[in-house]
Amino acid sequence: ILRKLGAGGMGEVYLARDGKLGRDVAIKV
């Protein structure tokens, strides 16, 4: 988890780095 991108009623979204594939993704928590 690198930084928070936003939030809504059903969760929070973060910028994350996929360590297996070496790409940035969005993670909804």
Full PDB file with SEQRES, HELIX, SHEET, SSBOND, CRYST1, ORIGX, SCALE, CONECT and MASTER records, all heavy atoms in Angstrom:
SEQRES   1 A   29  ILE LEU ARG LYS LEU GLY ALA GLY GLY MET GLY GLU VAL          
SEQRES   2 A   29  TYR LEU ALA ARG ASP GLY LYS LEU GLY ARG ASP VAL ALA          
SEQRES   3 A   29  ILE LYS VAL                                                  
SHEET    1 AA1 3 ARG A   3  GLY A   8  0                                        
SHEET    2 AA1 3 GLY A  11  ASP A  18 -1                                        
SHEET    3 AA1 3 ARG A  23  LYS A  28 -1                                        
CRYST1    1.000    1.000    1.000  90.00  90.00  90.00 P 1           1          
ORIGX1      1.000000  0.000000  0.000000        0.00000                         
ORIGX2      0.000000  1.000000  0.000000        0.00000                         
ORIGX3      0.000000  0.000000  1.000000        0.00000                         
SCALE1      1.000000  0.000000  0.000000        0.00000                         
SCALE2      0.000000  1.000000  0.000000        0.00000                         
SCALE3      0.000000  0.000000  1.000000        0.00000                         
ATOM      1  N   ILE A   1       0.845  -1.189   0.000  1.00  0.00           N  
ATOM      2  CA  ILE A   1       0.000   0.000   0.000  1.00  0.00           C  
ATOM      3  C   ILE A   1       0.883   1.241   0.000  1.00  0.00           C  
ATOM      4  O   ILE A   1       1.709   1.425   0.893  1.00  0.00           O  
ATOM      5  CB  ILE A   1      -0.947   0.018   1.223  1.00  0.00           C  
ATOM      6  CG1 ILE A   1      -1.763  -1.283   1.313  1.00  0.00           C  
ATOM      7  CG2 ILE A   1      -1.839   1.250   1.185  1.00  0.00           C  
ATOM      8  CD1 ILE A   1      -2.677  -1.551   0.151  1.00  0.00           C  
ATOM      9  N   LEU A   2       0.690   2.114  -0.997  1.00  0.00           N  
ATOM     10  CA  LEU A   2       1.542   3.297  -1.154  1.00  0.00           C  
ATOM     11  C   LEU A   2       0.866   4.580  -0.688  1.00  0.00           C  
ATOM     12  O   LEU A   2       1.470   5.382   0.011  1.00  0.00           O  
ATOM     13  CB  LEU A   2       1.967   3.442  -2.614  1.00  0.00           C  
ATOM     14  CG  LEU A   2       2.727   2.250  -3.197  1.00  0.00           C  
ATOM     15  CD1 LEU A   2       3.000   2.465  -4.676  1.00  0.00           C  
ATOM     16  CD2 LEU A   2       4.016   2.011  -2.432  1.00  0.00           C  
ATOM     17  N   ARG A   3      -0.383   4.804  -1.112  1.00  0.00           N  
ATOM     18  CA  ARG A   3      -1.086   6.014  -0.668  1.00  0.00           C  
ATOM     19  C   ARG A   3      -2.578   5.864  -0.919  1.00  0.00           C  
ATOM     20  O   ARG A   3      -3.004   5.068  -1.745  1.00  0.00           O  
ATOM     21  CB  ARG A   3      -0.543   7.265  -1.350  1.00  0.00           C  
ATOM     22  CG  ARG A   3      -0.827   7.382  -2.819  1.00  0.00           C  
ATOM     23  CD  ARG A   3      -0.233   8.696  -3.371  1.00  0.00           C  
ATOM     24  NE  ARG A   3      -0.161   8.665  -4.800  1.00  0.00           N  
ATOM     25  CZ  ARG A   3      -1.107   9.121  -5.623  1.00  0.00           C  
ATOM     26  NH1 ARG A   3      -2.199   9.659  -5.133  1.00  0.00           N  
ATOM     27  NH2 ARG A   3      -0.954   9.061  -6.929  1.00  0.00           N  
ATOM     28  N   LYS A   4      -3.337   6.660  -0.183  1.00  0.00           N  
ATOM     29  CA  LYS A   4      -4.793   6.643  -0.313  1.00  0.00           C  
ATOM     30  C   LYS A   4      -5.202   7.483  -1.523  1.00  0.00           C  
ATOM     31  O   LYS A   4      -4.700   8.587  -1.718  1.00  0.00           O  
ATOM     32  CB  LYS A   4      -5.438   7.196   0.958  1.00  0.00           C  
ATOM     33  CG  LYS A   4      -6.926   7.037   0.997  1.00  0.00           C  
ATOM     34  CD  LYS A   4      -7.459   7.449   2.366  1.00  0.00           C  
ATOM     35  CE  LYS A   4      -8.939   7.217   2.470  1.00  0.00           C  
ATOM     36  NZ  LYS A   4      -9.422   7.527   3.816  1.00  0.00           N  
ATOM     37  N   LEU A   5      -6.099   6.926  -2.328  1.00  0.00           N  
ATOM     38  CA  LEU A   5      -6.604   7.633  -3.501  1.00  0.00           C  
ATOM     39  C   LEU A   5      -7.982   8.236  -3.264  1.00  0.00           C  
ATOM     40  O   LEU A   5      -8.307   9.264  -3.846  1.00  0.00           O  
ATOM     41  CB  LEU A   5      -6.668   6.686  -4.706  1.00  0.00           C  
ATOM     42  CG  LEU A   5      -5.341   6.124  -5.200  1.00  0.00           C  
ATOM     43  CD1 LEU A   5      -5.580   5.087  -6.288  1.00  0.00           C  
ATOM     44  CD2 LEU A   5      -4.437   7.236  -5.688  1.00  0.00           C  
ATOM     45  N   GLY A   6      -8.791   7.596  -2.437  1.00  0.00           N  
ATOM     46  CA  GLY A   6     -10.135   8.104  -2.191  1.00  0.00           C  
ATOM     47  C   GLY A   6     -10.913   7.184  -1.271  1.00  0.00           C  
ATOM     48  O   GLY A   6     -10.412   6.150  -0.830  1.00  0.00           O  
ATOM     49  N   ALA A   7     -12.154   7.594  -1.000  1.00  0.00           N  
ATOM     50  CA  ALA A   7     -13.021   6.807  -0.116  1.00  0.00           C  
ATOM     51  C   ALA A   7     -14.459   7.021  -0.520  1.00  0.00           C  
ATOM     52  O   ALA A   7     -14.815   8.044  -1.101  1.00  0.00           O  
ATOM     53  CB  ALA A   7     -12.810   7.211   1.337  1.00  0.00           C  
ATOM     54  N   GLY A   8     -15.271   6.036  -0.203  1.00  0.00           N  
ATOM     55  CA  GLY A   8     -16.700   6.116  -0.490  1.00  0.00           C  
ATOM     56  C   GLY A   8     -17.474   5.337   0.546  1.00  0.00           C  
ATOM     57  O   GLY A   8     -16.925   4.940   1.576  1.00  0.00           O  
ATOM     58  N   GLY A   9     -18.727   5.100   0.263  1.00  0.00           N  
ATOM     59  CA  GLY A   9     -19.606   4.426   1.207  1.00  0.00           C  
ATOM     60  C   GLY A   9     -19.237   2.981   1.489  1.00  0.00           C  
ATOM     61  O   GLY A   9     -19.462   2.476   2.581  1.00  0.00           O  
ATOM     62  N   MET A  10     -18.655   2.289   0.500  1.00  0.00           N  
ATOM     63  CA  MET A  10     -18.342   0.869   0.671  1.00  0.00           C  
ATOM     64  C   MET A  10     -16.849   0.583   0.765  1.00  0.00           C  
ATOM     65  O   MET A  10     -16.434  -0.565   0.667  1.00  0.00           O  
ATOM     66  CB  MET A  10     -18.922   0.057  -0.499  1.00  0.00           C  
ATOM     67  CG  MET A  10     -20.370  -0.308  -0.334  1.00  0.00           C  
ATOM     68  SD  MET A  10     -20.678  -1.343   1.117  1.00  0.00           S  
ATOM     69  CE  MET A  10     -19.923  -2.870   0.608  1.00  0.00           C  
ATOM     70  N   GLY A  11     -16.028   1.593   0.936  1.00  0.00           N  
ATOM     71  CA  GLY A  11     -14.624   1.278   1.091  1.00  0.00           C  
ATOM     72  C   GLY A  11     -13.700   2.437   0.808  1.00  0.00           C  
ATOM     73  O   GLY A  11     -14.119   3.548   0.495  1.00  0.00           O  
ATOM     74  N   GLU A  12     -12.431   2.119   0.938  1.00  0.00           N  
ATOM     75  CA  GLU A  12     -11.363   3.072   0.675  1.00  0.00           C  
ATOM     76  C   GLU A  12     -10.507   2.501  -0.449  1.00  0.00           C  
ATOM     77  O   GLU A  12     -10.316   1.289  -0.536  1.00  0.00           O  
ATOM     78  CB  GLU A  12     -10.516   3.267   1.930  1.00  0.00           C  
ATOM     79  CG  GLU A  12     -11.327   3.825   3.083  1.00  0.00           C  
ATOM     80  CD  GLU A  12     -10.564   3.841   4.392  1.00  0.00           C  
ATOM     81  OE1 GLU A  12      -9.661   3.000   4.588  1.00  0.00           O  
ATOM     82  OE2 GLU A  12     -10.885   4.698   5.223  1.00  0.00           O  
ATOM     83  N   VAL A  13     -10.000   3.387  -1.310  1.00  0.00           N  
ATOM     84  CA  VAL A  13      -9.193   2.952  -2.445  1.00  0.00           C  
ATOM     85  C   VAL A  13      -7.773   3.479  -2.269  1.00  0.00           C  
ATOM     86  O   VAL A  13      -7.567   4.650  -1.948  1.00  0.00           O  
ATOM     87  CB  VAL A  13      -9.801   3.429  -3.781  1.00  0.00           C  
ATOM     88  CG1 VAL A  13      -8.942   2.984  -4.948  1.00  0.00           C  
ATOM     89  CG2 VAL A  13     -11.224   2.903  -3.940  1.00  0.00           C  
ATOM     90  N   TYR A  14      -6.811   2.583  -2.475  1.00  0.00           N  
ATOM     91  CA  TYR A  14      -5.400   2.904  -2.304  1.00  0.00           C  
ATOM     92  C   TYR A  14      -4.614   2.582  -3.566  1.00  0.00           C  
ATOM     93  O   TYR A  14      -4.958   1.646  -4.300  1.00  0.00           O  
ATOM     94  CB  TYR A  14      -4.800   2.073  -1.157  1.00  0.00           C  
ATOM     95  CG  TYR A  14      -5.379   2.395   0.185  1.00  0.00           C  
ATOM     96  CD1 TYR A  14      -6.503   1.740   0.659  1.00  0.00           C  
ATOM     97  CD2 TYR A  14      -4.800   3.374   0.985  1.00  0.00           C  
ATOM     98  CE1 TYR A  14      -7.047   2.044   1.896  1.00  0.00           C  
ATOM     99  CE2 TYR A  14      -5.339   3.688   2.228  1.00  0.00           C  
ATOM    100  CZ  TYR A  14      -6.460   3.019   2.672  1.00  0.00           C  
ATOM    101  OH  TYR A  14      -7.002   3.330   3.892  1.00  0.00           O  
ATOM    102  N   LEU A  15      -3.558   3.331  -3.779  1.00  0.00           N  
ATOM    103  CA  LEU A  15      -2.564   2.990  -4.782  1.00  0.00           C  
ATOM    104  C   LEU A  15      -1.670   1.937  -4.137  1.00  0.00           C  
ATOM    105  O   LEU A  15      -1.242   2.101  -2.986  1.00  0.00           O  
ATOM    106  CB  LEU A  15      -1.740   4.222  -5.153  1.00  0.00           C  
ATOM    107  CG  LEU A  15      -0.494   3.977  -6.004  1.00  0.00           C  
ATOM    108  CD1 LEU A  15      -0.870   3.438  -7.379  1.00  0.00           C  
ATOM    109  CD2 LEU A  15       0.303   5.260  -6.137  1.00  0.00           C  
ATOM    110  N   ALA A  16      -1.415   0.861  -4.862  1.00  0.00           N  
ATOM    111  CA  ALA A  16      -0.569  -0.202  -4.330  1.00  0.00           C  
ATOM    112  C   ALA A  16       0.345  -0.726  -5.427  1.00  0.00           C  
ATOM    113  O   ALA A  16       0.054  -0.595  -6.609  1.00  0.00           O  
ATOM    114  CB  ALA A  16      -1.420  -1.339  -3.771  1.00  0.00           C  
ATOM    115  N   ARG A  17       1.433  -1.316  -4.993  1.00  0.00           N  
ATOM    116  CA  ARG A  17       2.385  -1.914  -5.928  1.00  0.00           C  
ATOM    117  C   ARG A  17       2.247  -3.420  -5.838  1.00  0.00           C  
ATOM    118  O   ARG A  17       2.351  -4.000  -4.752  1.00  0.00           O  
ATOM    119  CB  ARG A  17       3.814  -1.486  -5.551  1.00  0.00           C  
ATOM    120  CG  ARG A  17       4.867  -1.977  -6.476  1.00  0.00           C  
ATOM    121  CD  ARG A  17       4.843  -1.157  -7.740  1.00  0.00           C  
ATOM    122  NE  ARG A  17       5.919  -1.604  -8.613  1.00  0.00           N  
ATOM    123  CZ  ARG A  17       5.961  -1.331  -9.884  1.00  0.00           C  
ATOM    124  NH1 ARG A  17       5.024  -0.607 -10.435  1.00  0.00           N  
ATOM    125  NH2 ARG A  17       6.944  -1.762 -10.615  1.00  0.00           N  
ATOM    126  N   ASP A  18       1.981  -4.051  -6.987  1.00  0.00           N  
ATOM    127  CA  ASP A  18       1.879  -5.501  -7.074  1.00  0.00           C  
ATOM    128  C   ASP A  18       3.304  -6.052  -7.110  1.00  0.00           C  
ATOM    129  O   ASP A  18       4.012  -5.894  -8.107  1.00  0.00           O  
ATOM    130  CB  ASP A  18       1.111  -5.883  -8.340  1.00  0.00           C  
ATOM    131  CG  ASP A  18       0.893  -7.375  -8.495  1.00  0.00           C  
ATOM    132  OD1 ASP A  18       1.708  -8.171  -7.966  1.00  0.00           O  
ATOM    133  OD2 ASP A  18      -0.079  -7.759  -9.166  1.00  0.00           O  
ATOM    134  N   GLY A  19       3.715  -6.665  -6.027  1.00  0.00           N  
ATOM    135  CA  GLY A  19       5.078  -7.167  -5.918  1.00  0.00           C  
ATOM    136  C   GLY A  19       5.374  -8.346  -6.816  1.00  0.00           C  
ATOM    137  O   GLY A  19       6.533  -8.587  -7.153  1.00  0.00           O  
ATOM    138  N   LYS A  20       4.364  -9.087  -7.219  1.00  0.00           N  
ATOM    139  CA  LYS A  20       4.589 -10.233  -8.097  1.00  0.00           C  
ATOM    140  C   LYS A  20       4.747  -9.813  -9.548  1.00  0.00           C  
ATOM    141  O   LYS A  20       5.588 -10.340 -10.261  1.00  0.00           O  
ATOM    142  CB  LYS A  20       3.438 -11.233  -7.982  1.00  0.00           C  
ATOM    143  CG  LYS A  20       3.459 -12.053  -6.724  1.00  0.00           C  
ATOM    144  CD  LYS A  20       2.416 -13.136  -6.788  1.00  0.00           C  
ATOM    145  CE  LYS A  20       2.511 -14.043  -5.587  1.00  0.00           C  
ATOM    146  NZ  LYS A  20       1.536 -15.131  -5.642  1.00  0.00           N  
ATOM    147  N   LEU A  21       3.912  -8.893  -9.990  1.00  0.00           N  
ATOM    148  CA  LEU A  21       3.915  -8.508 -11.401  1.00  0.00           C  
ATOM    149  C   LEU A  21       4.595  -7.175 -11.662  1.00  0.00           C  
ATOM    150  O   LEU A  21       4.729  -6.763 -12.819  1.00  0.00           O  
ATOM    151  CB  LEU A  21       2.482  -8.490 -11.946  1.00  0.00           C  
ATOM    152  CG  LEU A  21       1.763  -9.843 -11.907  1.00  0.00           C  
ATOM    153  CD1 LEU A  21       0.323  -9.696 -12.369  1.00  0.00           C  
ATOM    154  CD2 LEU A  21       2.504 -10.867 -12.759  1.00  0.00           C  
ATOM    155  N   GLY A  22       4.986  -6.471 -10.608  1.00  0.00           N  
ATOM    156  CA  GLY A  22       5.715  -5.232 -10.779  1.00  0.00           C  
ATOM    157  C   GLY A  22       4.916  -4.121 -11.431  1.00  0.00           C  
ATOM    158  O   GLY A  22       5.444  -3.373 -12.245  1.00  0.00           O  
ATOM    159  N   ARG A  23       3.671  -4.008 -11.055  1.00  0.00           N  
ATOM    160  CA  ARG A  23       2.833  -2.937 -11.614  1.00  0.00           C  
ATOM    161  C   ARG A  23       2.041  -2.276 -10.499  1.00  0.00           C  
ATOM    162  O   ARG A  23       1.794  -2.870  -9.446  1.00  0.00           O  
ATOM    163  CB  ARG A  23       1.884  -3.480 -12.677  1.00  0.00           C  
ATOM    164  CG  ARG A  23       0.872  -4.479 -12.128  1.00  0.00           C  
ATOM    165  CD  ARG A  23      -0.050  -5.004 -13.202  1.00  0.00           C  
ATOM    166  NE  ARG A  23      -0.878  -6.083 -12.672  1.00  0.00           N  
ATOM    167  CZ  ARG A  23      -1.654  -6.839 -13.417  1.00  0.00           C  
ATOM    168  NH1 ARG A  23      -1.726  -6.639 -14.708  1.00  0.00           N  
ATOM    169  NH2 ARG A  23      -2.377  -7.786 -12.866  1.00  0.00           N  
ATOM    170  N   ASP A  24       1.635  -1.028 -10.760  1.00  0.00           N  
ATOM    171  CA  ASP A  24       0.769  -0.321  -9.821  1.00  0.00           C  
ATOM    172  C   ASP A  24      -0.677  -0.714 -10.079  1.00  0.00           C  
ATOM    173  O   ASP A  24      -1.086  -0.920 -11.232  1.00  0.00           O  
ATOM    174  CB  ASP A  24       0.922   1.194  -9.979  1.00  0.00           C  
ATOM    175  CG  ASP A  24       2.262   1.700  -9.463  1.00  0.00           C  
ATOM    176  OD1 ASP A  24       2.913   0.969  -8.675  1.00  0.00           O  
ATOM    177  OD2 ASP A  24       2.656   2.814  -9.836  1.00  0.00           O  
ATOM    178  N   VAL A  25      -1.427  -0.842  -9.002  1.00  0.00           N  
ATOM    179  CA  VAL A  25      -2.842  -1.203  -9.069  1.00  0.00           C  
ATOM    180  C   VAL A  25      -3.612  -0.328  -8.084  1.00  0.00           C  
ATOM    181  O   VAL A  25      -3.028   0.336  -7.233  1.00  0.00           O  
ATOM    182  CB  VAL A  25      -3.073  -2.696  -8.716  1.00  0.00           C  
ATOM    183  CG1 VAL A  25      -2.375  -3.615  -9.695  1.00  0.00           C  
ATOM    184  CG2 VAL A  25      -2.642  -3.011  -7.293  1.00  0.00           C  
ATOM    185  N   ALA A  26      -4.914  -0.351  -8.213  1.00  0.00           N  
ATOM    186  CA  ALA A  26      -5.791   0.256  -7.216  1.00  0.00           C  
ATOM    187  C   ALA A  26      -6.329  -0.882  -6.357  1.00  0.00           C  
ATOM    188  O   ALA A  26      -6.713  -1.929  -6.878  1.00  0.00           O  
ATOM    189  CB  ALA A  26      -6.935   1.010  -7.886  1.00  0.00           C  
ATOM    190  N   ILE A  27      -6.332  -0.670  -5.053  1.00  0.00           N  
ATOM    191  CA  ILE A  27      -6.853  -1.665  -4.102  1.00  0.00           C  
ATOM    192  C   ILE A  27      -8.038  -1.048  -3.383  1.00  0.00           C  
ATOM    193  O   ILE A  27      -7.906   0.008  -2.762  1.00  0.00           O  
ATOM    194  CB  ILE A  27      -5.788  -2.035  -3.042  1.00  0.00           C  
ATOM    195  CG1 ILE A  27      -4.553  -2.649  -3.690  1.00  0.00           C  
ATOM    196  CG2 ILE A  27      -6.372  -2.946  -1.970  1.00  0.00           C  
ATOM    197  CD1 ILE A  27      -4.658  -4.103  -3.999  1.00  0.00           C  
ATOM    198  N   LYS A  28      -9.197  -1.696  -3.497  1.00  0.00           N  
ATOM    199  CA  LYS A  28     -10.363  -1.252  -2.733  1.00  0.00           C  
ATOM    200  C   LYS A  28     -10.452  -2.116  -1.486  1.00  0.00           C  
ATOM    201  O   LYS A  28     -10.449  -3.347  -1.569  1.00  0.00           O  
ATOM    202  CB  LYS A  28     -11.646  -1.357  -3.544  1.00  0.00           C  
ATOM    203  CG  LYS A  28     -12.843  -0.784  -2.802  1.00  0.00           C  
ATOM    204  CD  LYS A  28     -14.034  -0.625  -3.703  1.00  0.00           C  
ATOM    205  CE  LYS A  28     -15.181   0.062  -2.973  1.00  0.00           C  
ATOM    206  NZ  LYS A  28     -16.342   0.224  -3.862  1.00  0.00           N  
ATOM    207  N   VAL A  29     -10.526  -1.455  -0.334  1.00  0.00           N  
ATOM    208  CA  VAL A  29     -10.514  -2.139   0.964  1.00  0.00           C  
ATOM    209  C   VAL A  29     -11.830  -1.874   1.681  1.00  0.00           C  
ATOM    210  O   VAL A  29     -12.286  -0.728   1.750  1.00  0.00           O  
ATOM    211  CB  VAL A  29      -9.331  -1.631   1.821  1.00  0.00           C  
ATOM    212  CG1 VAL A  29      -9.371  -2.235   3.207  1.00  0.00           C  
ATOM    213  CG2 VAL A  29      -8.019  -1.919   1.131  1.00  0.00           C  
TER     214      VAL A  29                                                      
MASTER        0    0    0    0    3    0    0    6  213    1    0    3          
END                                                                             
